[in-house]
């Protein structure tokens, strides 16, 4: 590749990154602006962050988001890991068919998933006499998180030496014992990555939460949306900045862990 081609390639990449991250950078800068103006910089201040942490509606939404994300990630990690182990033990054709079904929610539009779950919960609510709220919101988050966990665990299961499990069973280990002492230690990086991705997806979700939360529960993303419909307050800039930093930190942790695990695998194969 010539120098001219490399230059244009790097310039094109830089323009794309600038287009994507310049608005976020502006939002972060103006979250420290001493004025409510979104165009004129007056001075540096932390006042909007102080007001943010004294806002009862925002704090309530934060607690709801945190509880839902933690519980949904934990349940989805357990269910997704067990499902991945079961799928891995199947024959090729049924496994590929089920993996195809598992991947549909990943490429499906969130609004379709949200509307479908809303209709399901409303229909069941008429029969079982319950309304949309925290419970339906939690079930929806667990449901769309499970495919991400399965997708994270399956590559580690493919790298697993089947002879280790067979040896453990031959030595008298039960299936649960083999799962706990042999399989889980080998696939732990994939399980952790799946849990972190599930937690990140729950924090960041808006569309599915909007359709399944009802009027009694509200997440941070829903609070931000309701605030923007009325007036754009500098508190939104501060809240969006904190969310961006949290999600970015989790994604960096996932990527760093994955790269370190790949380096360890390469060292094992070399030795």
Protein backbone atom coordinates (compact mmCIF):
# COMPACT_ATOMS: atom_id res chain seq x y z
CA UNK A 1 0.00 0.00 0.00
CA UNK A 2 1.42 3.40 -0.99
CA UNK A 3 1.92 6.32 1.38
CA UNK A 4 -0.82 8.25 -0.35
CA UNK A 5 -3.33 5.44 0.19
CA UNK A 6 -2.34 5.10 3.85
CA UNK A 7 -2.70 8.86 4.33
CA UNK A 8 -6.20 8.96 2.85
CA UNK A 9 -7.19 5.87 4.83
CA UNK A 10 -6.06 7.42 8.11
CA UNK A 11 -7.68 10.75 7.26
CA UNK A 12 -10.97 9.01 6.46
CA UNK A 13 -10.85 7.11 9.76
CA UNK A 14 -10.05 10.31 11.65
CA UNK A 15 -13.04 12.11 10.08
CA UNK A 16 -15.38 9.26 11.03
CA UNK A 17 -14.12 9.27 14.64
CA UNK A 18 -14.43 13.06 14.76
CA UNK A 19 -18.00 12.90 13.47
CA UNK A 20 -18.92 10.26 16.05
CA UNK A 21 -17.20 11.66 19.14
CA UNK A 22 -17.19 15.44 18.64
CA UNK A 23 -20.80 15.83 19.90
CA UNK A 24 -19.99 13.73 22.97
CA UNK A 25 -16.89 15.83 23.63
CA UNK A 26 -18.97 19.04 23.40
CA UNK A 27 -21.55 17.56 25.79
CA UNK A 28 -18.83 16.70 28.32
CA UNK A 29 -17.27 20.17 28.09
CA UNK A 30 -20.57 22.01 28.58
CA UNK A 31 -21.48 19.83 31.55
CA UNK A 32 -18.89 21.94 33.40
CA UNK A 33 -20.17 25.26 32.03
CA UNK A 34 -21.19 27.80 34.70
CA UNK A 35 -24.06 29.01 32.51
CA UNK A 36 -27.17 27.27 31.18
CA UNK A 37 -26.12 28.28 27.69
CA UNK A 38 -25.33 25.45 25.29
CA UNK A 39 -23.22 27.61 22.98
CA UNK A 40 -21.34 30.17 25.13
CA UNK A 41 -18.68 29.13 27.61
CA UNK A 42 -18.83 31.25 30.78
CA UNK A 43 -16.66 29.43 33.30
CA UNK A 44 -15.82 26.13 34.96
CA UNK A 45 -18.12 24.73 37.66
CA UNK A 46 -19.31 21.50 39.30
CA UNK A 47 -22.70 22.98 40.18
CA UNK A 48 -24.66 20.87 37.69
CA UNK A 49 -23.17 17.69 39.12
CA UNK A 50 -24.12 18.83 42.64
CA UNK A 51 -27.68 19.56 41.55
CA UNK A 52 -27.78 16.23 39.76
CA UNK A 53 -27.04 14.31 42.97
CA UNK A 54 -29.72 16.25 44.84
CA UNK A 55 -32.45 15.52 42.29
CA UNK A 56 -34.82 12.95 43.79
CA UNK A 57 -36.27 11.76 40.46
CA UNK A 58 -32.84 11.18 38.96
CA UNK A 59 -31.57 9.35 42.06
CA UNK A 60 -34.68 7.15 42.07
CA UNK A 61 -34.16 6.31 38.40
CA UNK A 62 -30.50 5.59 39.07
CA UNK A 63 -31.34 3.11 41.86
CA UNK A 64 -33.93 1.41 39.64
CA UNK A 65 -31.45 1.15 36.76
CA UNK A 66 -28.71 -0.19 39.03
CA UNK A 67 -30.93 -2.83 40.67
CA UNK A 68 -32.37 -3.98 37.34
CA UNK A 69 -28.94 -4.11 35.68
CA UNK A 70 -27.31 -6.09 38.50
CA UNK A 71 -30.13 -8.62 38.88
CA UNK A 72 -30.65 -9.00 35.12
CA UNK A 73 -26.92 -9.46 34.49
CA UNK A 74 -26.62 -12.05 37.29
CA UNK A 75 -29.64 -14.10 36.21
CA UNK A 76 -28.77 -13.84 32.51
CA UNK A 77 -25.20 -14.95 33.24
CA UNK A 78 -26.34 -18.08 35.08
CA UNK A 79 -29.04 -19.00 32.57
CA UNK A 80 -26.90 -18.09 29.55
CA UNK A 81 -23.89 -20.09 30.78
CA UNK A 82 -25.96 -23.22 31.47
CA UNK A 83 -27.70 -22.81 28.10
CA UNK A 84 -24.37 -22.46 26.33
CA UNK A 85 -23.07 -25.65 27.98
CA UNK A 86 -26.23 -27.47 26.91
CA UNK A 87 -25.99 -26.16 23.34
CA UNK A 88 -22.34 -27.16 23.13
CA UNK A 89 -23.18 -30.76 24.08
CA UNK A 90 -25.79 -31.07 21.31
CA UNK A 91 -25.27 -32.46 17.86
CA UNK A 92 -24.27 -30.10 15.08
CA UNK A 93 -27.60 -29.57 13.28
CA UNK A 94 -29.86 -28.86 16.27
CA UNK A 95 -27.10 -26.74 17.84
CA UNK A 96 -26.74 -24.59 14.72
CA UNK A 97 -30.51 -24.20 14.49
CA UNK A 98 -30.80 -23.07 18.11
CA UNK A 99 -27.81 -20.74 17.77
CA UNK A 100 -29.49 -19.18 14.74
CA UNK A 101 -32.61 -18.59 16.85
CA UNK A 102 -30.44 -17.21 19.66
CA UNK A 103 -28.80 -14.69 17.30
CA UNK A 104 -32.12 -13.29 16.01
CA UNK A 105 -32.63 -10.93 19.02
CA UNK A 106 -29.09 -9.60 18.55
CA UNK A 107 -29.78 -8.35 15.02
CA UNK A 108 -33.46 -7.61 15.55
CA UNK A 109 -34.52 -3.97 16.04
CA UNK A 110 -35.00 -3.03 19.69
CA UNK A 111 -38.35 -1.42 18.96
CA UNK A 112 -39.68 -4.73 17.60
CA UNK A 113 -38.50 -6.57 20.70
CA UNK A 114 -39.92 -3.88 22.96
CA UNK A 115 -43.34 -3.80 21.29
CA UNK A 116 -43.53 -7.62 21.21
CA UNK A 117 -42.73 -7.89 24.93
CA UNK A 118 -45.18 -5.10 25.73
CA UNK A 119 -47.99 -6.93 23.91
CA UNK A 120 -47.04 -10.20 25.62
CA UNK A 121 -47.05 -8.66 29.10
CA UNK A 122 -50.32 -6.81 28.48
CA UNK A 123 -51.99 -10.02 27.26
CA UNK A 124 -50.69 -12.04 30.21
CA UNK A 125 -51.60 -9.22 32.58
CA UNK A 126 -55.25 -9.45 31.63
CA UNK A 127 -55.27 -13.16 32.47
CA UNK A 128 -52.99 -13.14 35.54
CA UNK A 129 -54.05 -9.66 36.68
CA UNK A 130 -50.78 -7.76 36.82
CA UNK A 131 -49.61 -4.50 35.28
CA UNK A 132 -46.45 -3.29 33.65
CA UNK A 133 -43.86 -2.32 36.23
CA UNK A 134 -40.58 -3.31 37.81
CA UNK A 135 -41.21 -7.03 37.36
CA UNK A 136 -41.92 -6.84 33.64
CA UNK A 137 -38.97 -4.49 33.19
CA UNK A 138 -36.66 -6.98 34.93
CA UNK A 139 -37.95 -9.95 32.90
CA UNK A 140 -37.45 -8.00 29.66
CA UNK A 141 -33.84 -7.15 30.58
CA UNK A 142 -33.07 -10.75 31.51
CA UNK A 143 -34.57 -11.94 28.22
CA UNK A 144 -32.54 -9.71 25.90
CA UNK A 145 -29.33 -10.21 27.92
CA UNK A 146 -29.26 -14.02 27.71
CA UNK A 147 -28.27 -14.18 23.99
CA UNK A 148 -25.26 -11.93 24.66
CA UNK A 149 -24.06 -14.22 27.44
CA UNK A 150 -24.46 -17.31 25.25
CA UNK A 151 -22.55 -15.60 22.45
CA UNK A 152 -19.70 -14.77 24.87
CA UNK A 153 -19.46 -18.24 26.44
CA UNK A 154 -19.72 -20.40 23.28
CA UNK A 155 -16.21 -19.55 21.91
CA UNK A 156 -14.63 -20.60 25.22
CA UNK A 157 -16.56 -23.87 25.17
CA UNK A 158 -15.23 -24.59 21.67
CA UNK A 159 -11.69 -24.16 23.03
CA UNK A 160 -12.39 -26.54 25.92
CA UNK A 161 -10.64 -29.92 25.82
CA UNK A 162 -13.41 -32.53 25.91
CA UNK A 163 -10.99 -35.10 27.34
CA UNK A 164 -10.80 -33.11 30.60
CA UNK A 165 -14.53 -33.51 31.19
CA UNK A 166 -14.43 -37.19 30.24
CA UNK A 167 -11.50 -37.80 32.60
CA UNK A 168 -13.34 -36.08 35.45
CA UNK A 169 -16.45 -38.22 34.87
CA UNK A 170 -14.37 -41.40 34.67
CA UNK A 171 -12.77 -40.56 38.02
CA UNK A 172 -16.19 -40.46 39.69
CA UNK A 173 -17.04 -36.78 39.36
CA UNK A 174 -20.73 -36.00 38.93
CA UNK A 175 -21.99 -33.84 36.06
CA UNK A 176 -22.43 -30.89 38.41
CA UNK A 177 -19.00 -31.48 39.88
CA UNK A 178 -17.43 -31.57 36.40
CA UNK A 179 -19.26 -28.36 35.54
CA UNK A 180 -18.06 -26.62 38.70
CA UNK A 181 -14.47 -27.92 38.84
CA UNK A 182 -13.55 -28.41 35.18
CA UNK A 183 -15.82 -26.53 32.79
CA UNK A 184 -16.41 -23.27 34.69
CA UNK A 185 -12.72 -22.57 35.44
CA UNK A 186 -11.91 -23.01 31.75
CA UNK A 187 -14.73 -20.80 30.45
CA UNK A 188 -14.56 -18.21 33.26
CA UNK A 189 -13.25 -15.40 31.00
CA UNK A 190 -16.20 -15.82 28.65
CA UNK A 191 -18.64 -15.88 31.57
CA UNK A 192 -17.17 -12.68 33.03
CA UNK A 193 -17.21 -10.95 29.66
CA UNK A 194 -20.83 -12.00 29.14
CA UNK A 195 -21.81 -10.66 32.57
CA UNK A 196 -20.13 -7.31 31.92
CA UNK A 197 -21.74 -6.98 28.48
CA UNK A 198 -25.15 -7.84 29.95
CA UNK A 199 -24.70 -5.22 32.68
CA UNK A 200 -23.66 -2.62 30.10
CA UNK A 201 -26.60 -3.40 27.82
CA UNK A 202 -29.04 -3.07 30.73
CA UNK A 203 -27.68 0.31 31.80
CA UNK A 204 -27.72 1.61 28.23
CA UNK A 205 -31.14 0.30 27.16
CA UNK A 206 -34.00 2.70 26.50
CA UNK A 207 -36.39 1.34 23.85
CA UNK A 208 -37.21 -2.01 25.46
CA UNK A 209 -37.40 -0.40 28.91
CA UNK A 210 -39.76 2.27 27.59
CA UNK A 211 -42.25 -0.33 26.36
CA UNK A 212 -42.07 -2.70 29.34
CA UNK A 213 -41.63 -0.48 32.42
CA UNK A 214 -45.13 0.98 32.53
CA UNK A 215 -45.74 4.04 34.67
CA UNK A 216 -44.53 2.71 38.03
CA UNK A 217 -40.86 2.17 37.10
CA UNK A 218 -38.44 4.47 35.33
CA UNK A 219 -34.82 3.98 34.30
CA UNK A 220 -32.15 6.63 33.81
CA UNK A 221 -32.49 6.61 30.04
CA UNK A 222 -36.24 7.14 30.37
CA UNK A 223 -35.64 10.02 32.80
CA UNK A 224 -33.26 11.68 30.36
CA UNK A 225 -35.83 11.33 27.59
CA UNK A 226 -38.57 12.89 29.72
CA UNK A 227 -36.25 15.77 30.66
CA UNK A 228 -35.39 16.52 27.04
CA UNK A 229 -39.08 16.71 26.10
CA UNK A 230 -39.65 19.54 28.59
CA UNK A 231 -36.44 21.55 28.57
CA UNK A 232 -32.79 20.78 28.08
CA UNK A 233 -31.14 21.31 31.46
CA UNK A 234 -27.37 21.27 32.04
CA UNK A 235 -28.09 18.41 34.45
CA UNK A 236 -28.70 16.26 31.37
CA UNK A 237 -25.16 17.02 30.19
CA UNK A 238 -23.78 15.98 33.59
CA UNK A 239 -25.89 12.82 33.71
CA UNK A 240 -25.01 11.86 30.13
CA UNK A 241 -21.32 12.41 30.89
CA UNK A 242 -21.45 10.07 33.88
CA UNK A 243 -23.29 7.40 31.87
CA UNK A 244 -20.77 7.70 29.03
CA UNK A 245 -17.84 7.32 31.43
CA UNK A 246 -19.38 4.26 33.14
CA UNK A 247 -20.25 2.48 29.89
CA UNK A 248 -16.88 3.36 28.34
CA UNK A 249 -15.08 2.03 31.40
CA UNK A 250 -16.98 -1.27 31.27
CA UNK A 251 -16.32 -1.69 27.55
CA UNK A 252 -12.63 -0.95 28.02
CA UNK A 253 -12.47 -3.49 30.84
CA UNK A 254 -14.11 -6.13 28.62
CA UNK A 255 -11.75 -5.44 25.70
CA UNK A 256 -8.62 -5.35 27.89
CA UNK A 257 -9.59 -8.60 29.56
CA UNK A 258 -10.26 -10.24 26.19
CA UNK A 259 -6.92 -9.12 24.77
CA UNK A 260 -5.04 -10.36 27.84
CA UNK A 261 -6.82 -13.69 27.64
CA UNK A 262 -5.89 -14.02 23.96
CA UNK A 263 -2.25 -13.34 24.82
CA UNK A 264 -2.35 -16.03 27.50
CA UNK A 265 -3.85 -18.50 25.04
CA UNK A 266 -1.08 -17.74 22.55
CA UNK A 267 1.57 -18.30 25.23
CA UNK A 268 -0.03 -21.63 26.18
CA UNK A 269 -0.02 -22.81 22.57
CA UNK A 270 3.64 -21.79 22.13
CA UNK A 271 4.74 -23.65 25.26
